[in-house]
């Protein structure tokens, strides 16, 4: 893959492909997403694959209600706070 980072102008986020399906023999795709403040996508689910989320910096909410899952900073990484 020649272009490893793409910008989504609708959601205003960046996606960097760290590992592609072609690079892992179809096992997985690994991406890093830089969300815009207040950004994200609507609730959804996938029938053919699962997703795992690791918050690298800041805070992320999974879901739309107050009691939904939140990921917050909890350790230091390279002098910056990471989740």
N, C-alpha and C. Protein backbone atom coordinates (compact mmCIF):
# COMPACT_ATOMS: atom_id res chain seq x y z
N UNK A 1 0.85 -1.18 0.00
CA UNK A 1 0.00 0.00 0.00
C UNK A 1 0.89 1.23 0.00
N UNK A 2 0.73 2.10 -0.98
CA UNK A 2 1.62 3.26 -1.10
C UNK A 2 1.19 4.41 -0.19
N UNK A 3 -0.10 4.68 -0.06
CA UNK A 3 -0.59 5.76 0.79
C UNK A 3 -1.07 5.17 2.10
N UNK A 4 -0.32 5.38 3.17
CA UNK A 4 -0.63 4.74 4.45
C UNK A 4 -1.51 5.60 5.35
N UNK A 5 -1.67 6.89 5.03
CA UNK A 5 -2.49 7.78 5.85
C UNK A 5 -3.52 8.46 4.97
N UNK A 6 -4.78 8.38 5.39
CA UNK A 6 -5.85 9.02 4.63
C UNK A 6 -6.63 9.96 5.53
N UNK A 7 -7.28 10.95 4.93
CA UNK A 7 -8.10 11.92 5.65
C UNK A 7 -9.54 11.77 5.21
N UNK A 8 -10.46 11.71 6.16
CA UNK A 8 -11.88 11.64 5.87
C UNK A 8 -12.48 13.02 6.12
N UNK A 9 -12.80 13.78 5.06
CA UNK A 9 -13.30 15.15 5.24
C UNK A 9 -14.69 15.22 5.86
N UNK A 10 -15.46 14.14 5.78
CA UNK A 10 -16.80 14.14 6.38
C UNK A 10 -16.70 14.03 7.90
N UNK A 11 -15.93 13.06 8.38
CA UNK A 11 -15.76 12.85 9.81
C UNK A 11 -14.62 13.68 10.39
N UNK A 12 -13.80 14.25 9.53
CA UNK A 12 -12.65 15.08 9.92
C UNK A 12 -11.66 14.30 10.79
N UNK A 13 -11.36 13.07 10.37
CA UNK A 13 -10.37 12.28 11.07
C UNK A 13 -9.33 11.72 10.09
N UNK A 14 -8.22 11.27 10.65
CA UNK A 14 -7.14 10.66 9.88
C UNK A 14 -7.04 9.19 10.26
N UNK A 15 -6.78 8.34 9.28
CA UNK A 15 -6.55 6.92 9.51
C UNK A 15 -5.18 6.57 8.94
N UNK A 16 -4.33 5.99 9.77
CA UNK A 16 -3.03 5.52 9.33
C UNK A 16 -3.04 3.99 9.39
N UNK A 17 -2.72 3.37 8.27
CA UNK A 17 -2.67 1.91 8.20
C UNK A 17 -1.31 1.45 8.70
N UNK A 18 -1.29 0.80 9.87
CA UNK A 18 -0.06 0.29 10.45
C UNK A 18 0.27 -1.09 9.89
N UNK A 19 -0.75 -1.91 9.71
CA UNK A 19 -0.64 -3.23 9.07
C UNK A 19 -1.89 -3.44 8.24
N UNK A 20 -1.73 -3.89 7.02
CA UNK A 20 -2.88 -4.16 6.16
C UNK A 20 -3.16 -5.65 6.12
N UNK A 21 -4.32 -6.00 5.65
CA UNK A 21 -4.70 -7.41 5.50
C UNK A 21 -3.70 -8.14 4.60
N UNK A 22 -3.23 -7.46 3.56
CA UNK A 22 -2.25 -8.07 2.65
C UNK A 22 -0.93 -8.35 3.38
N UNK A 23 -0.56 -7.48 4.32
CA UNK A 23 0.69 -7.64 5.05
C UNK A 23 0.61 -8.71 6.15
N UNK A 24 -0.61 -9.08 6.56
CA UNK A 24 -0.79 -10.07 7.62
C UNK A 24 -1.45 -11.35 7.12
N UNK A 25 -1.37 -11.57 5.81
CA UNK A 25 -1.97 -12.76 5.20
C UNK A 25 -3.45 -12.90 5.54
N UNK A 26 -4.17 -11.79 5.58
CA UNK A 26 -5.60 -11.81 5.83
C UNK A 26 -6.01 -11.96 7.28
N UNK A 27 -5.05 -11.99 8.18
CA UNK A 27 -5.37 -12.19 9.61
C UNK A 27 -6.06 -10.97 10.23
N UNK A 28 -5.57 -9.78 9.93
CA UNK A 28 -6.14 -8.57 10.53
C UNK A 28 -5.65 -7.34 9.79
N UNK A 29 -6.30 -6.23 10.08
CA UNK A 29 -5.86 -4.90 9.65
C UNK A 29 -5.71 -4.06 10.91
N UNK A 30 -4.60 -3.36 11.04
CA UNK A 30 -4.34 -2.54 12.21
C UNK A 30 -4.24 -1.08 11.77
N UNK A 31 -5.09 -0.24 12.34
CA UNK A 31 -5.09 1.17 11.98
C UNK A 31 -5.01 2.03 13.24
N UNK A 32 -4.49 3.22 13.06
CA UNK A 32 -4.52 4.25 14.10
C UNK A 32 -5.41 5.37 13.59
N UNK A 33 -6.41 5.75 14.38
CA UNK A 33 -7.37 6.77 13.98
C UNK A 33 -7.18 7.99 14.86
N UNK A 34 -7.01 9.15 14.24
CA UNK A 34 -6.94 10.43 14.95
C UNK A 34 -8.29 11.11 14.80
N UNK A 35 -9.10 11.04 15.86
CA UNK A 35 -10.45 11.61 15.82
C UNK A 35 -10.40 13.12 16.03
N UNK A 36 -11.29 13.82 15.34
CA UNK A 36 -11.47 15.25 15.60
C UNK A 36 -12.20 15.40 16.93
N UNK A 37 -12.01 16.52 17.63
CA UNK A 37 -12.74 16.79 18.86
C UNK A 37 -14.23 16.65 18.61
N UNK A 38 -14.88 15.82 19.42
CA UNK A 38 -16.32 15.60 19.26
C UNK A 38 -16.67 14.73 18.06
N UNK A 39 -15.67 14.20 17.38
CA UNK A 39 -15.91 13.42 16.17
C UNK A 39 -16.22 11.98 16.46
N UNK A 40 -16.38 11.21 15.41
CA UNK A 40 -16.66 9.79 15.53
C UNK A 40 -17.70 9.37 14.52
N UNK A 41 -18.15 8.16 14.67
CA UNK A 41 -19.17 7.61 13.77
C UNK A 41 -20.36 7.14 14.60
N UNK A 42 -21.48 6.95 13.94
CA UNK A 42 -22.68 6.48 14.63
C UNK A 42 -22.55 5.04 15.10
N UNK A 43 -23.45 4.65 15.99
CA UNK A 43 -23.44 3.28 16.49
C UNK A 43 -23.69 2.31 15.35
N UNK A 44 -22.97 1.17 15.36
CA UNK A 44 -23.11 0.18 14.32
C UNK A 44 -22.54 -1.13 14.84
N UNK A 45 -22.72 -2.19 14.08
CA UNK A 45 -22.08 -3.46 14.39
C UNK A 45 -21.71 -4.15 13.09
N UNK A 46 -20.78 -5.08 13.20
CA UNK A 46 -20.27 -5.79 12.03
C UNK A 46 -20.56 -7.28 12.18
N UNK A 47 -21.01 -7.91 11.12
CA UNK A 47 -21.29 -9.34 11.16
C UNK A 47 -20.09 -10.20 10.77
N UNK A 48 -19.14 -9.63 10.03
CA UNK A 48 -18.04 -10.44 9.50
C UNK A 48 -16.70 -10.21 10.18
N UNK A 49 -16.59 -9.24 11.07
CA UNK A 49 -15.34 -9.02 11.79
C UNK A 49 -15.61 -8.29 13.10
N UNK A 50 -14.63 -8.31 13.98
CA UNK A 50 -14.75 -7.62 15.26
C UNK A 50 -13.78 -6.44 15.29
N UNK A 51 -14.03 -5.53 16.21
CA UNK A 51 -13.16 -4.37 16.39
C UNK A 51 -12.66 -4.34 17.82
N UNK A 52 -11.45 -3.86 17.99
CA UNK A 52 -10.86 -3.65 19.31
C UNK A 52 -10.36 -2.21 19.35
N UNK A 53 -10.60 -1.53 20.45
CA UNK A 53 -10.20 -0.13 20.58
C UNK A 53 -9.21 0.03 21.72
N UNK A 54 -8.11 0.71 21.45
CA UNK A 54 -7.14 1.11 22.46
C UNK A 54 -6.99 2.62 22.35
N UNK A 55 -7.27 3.31 23.42
CA UNK A 55 -7.12 4.77 23.42
C UNK A 55 -5.65 5.10 23.66
N UNK A 56 -5.03 5.82 22.73
CA UNK A 56 -3.62 6.16 22.83
C UNK A 56 -3.42 7.47 23.58
N UNK A 57 -4.33 8.43 23.37
CA UNK A 57 -4.21 9.72 24.04
C UNK A 57 -5.59 10.34 24.16
N UNK A 58 -5.87 10.96 25.30
CA UNK A 58 -7.13 11.67 25.48
C UNK A 58 -8.21 10.79 26.06
N UNK A 59 -9.44 10.97 25.59
CA UNK A 59 -10.59 10.24 26.09
C UNK A 59 -11.51 9.90 24.93
N UNK A 60 -12.05 8.68 24.93
CA UNK A 60 -12.96 8.23 23.89
C UNK A 60 -14.18 7.61 24.55
N UNK A 61 -15.36 7.92 24.04
CA UNK A 61 -16.60 7.32 24.52
C UNK A 61 -17.11 6.35 23.46
N UNK A 62 -17.45 5.15 23.91
CA UNK A 62 -18.03 4.16 23.02
C UNK A 62 -19.51 4.06 23.39
N UNK A 63 -20.38 4.49 22.52
CA UNK A 63 -21.81 4.51 22.78
C UNK A 63 -22.33 5.93 22.80
N UNK A 64 -23.62 6.09 23.08
CA UNK A 64 -24.23 7.41 23.01
C UNK A 64 -24.85 7.85 24.33
N UNK A 65 -24.95 6.94 25.30
CA UNK A 65 -25.58 7.28 26.57
C UNK A 65 -24.54 7.56 27.64
N UNK A 66 -24.96 8.18 28.71
CA UNK A 66 -24.06 8.55 29.79
C UNK A 66 -23.36 7.34 30.42
N UNK A 67 -24.02 6.20 30.50
CA UNK A 67 -23.42 5.02 31.14
C UNK A 67 -22.65 4.13 30.19
N UNK A 68 -22.40 4.56 28.96
CA UNK A 68 -21.63 3.77 28.01
C UNK A 68 -20.14 3.79 28.36
N UNK A 69 -19.38 2.97 27.69
CA UNK A 69 -17.96 2.79 27.98
C UNK A 69 -17.15 4.03 27.63
N UNK A 70 -16.26 4.42 28.55
CA UNK A 70 -15.33 5.53 28.34
C UNK A 70 -13.91 5.00 28.49
N UNK A 71 -13.01 5.44 27.63
CA UNK A 71 -11.59 5.15 27.75
C UNK A 71 -10.91 6.46 28.09
N UNK A 72 -10.12 6.47 29.16
CA UNK A 72 -9.42 7.68 29.59
C UNK A 72 -7.94 7.41 29.76
N UNK A 73 -7.17 8.49 29.82
CA UNK A 73 -5.73 8.40 30.03
C UNK A 73 -5.42 7.70 31.34
N UNK A 74 -4.37 6.81 31.32
CA UNK A 74 -3.99 6.14 32.55
C UNK A 74 -2.50 5.86 32.69
N UNK A 75 -1.70 6.11 31.67
CA UNK A 75 -0.26 5.89 31.79
C UNK A 75 0.49 6.90 30.92
N UNK A 76 1.77 7.05 31.19
CA UNK A 76 2.61 7.95 30.42
C UNK A 76 3.31 7.20 29.30
N UNK A 77 3.41 7.84 28.15
CA UNK A 77 4.10 7.24 27.00
C UNK A 77 4.86 8.36 26.30
N UNK A 78 6.16 8.28 26.24
CA UNK A 78 7.01 9.27 25.58
C UNK A 78 6.72 10.68 26.12
N UNK A 79 6.51 10.78 27.44
CA UNK A 79 6.29 12.08 28.03
C UNK A 79 4.88 12.62 27.84
N UNK A 80 4.02 11.87 27.17
CA UNK A 80 2.64 12.29 26.94
C UNK A 80 1.71 11.30 27.63
N UNK A 81 0.54 11.74 27.96
CA UNK A 81 -0.42 10.86 28.58
C UNK A 81 -1.03 9.94 27.54
N UNK A 82 -1.13 8.66 27.86
CA UNK A 82 -1.73 7.69 26.95
C UNK A 82 -2.80 6.92 27.70
N UNK A 83 -3.70 6.30 26.93
CA UNK A 83 -4.79 5.51 27.53
C UNK A 83 -4.43 4.06 27.55
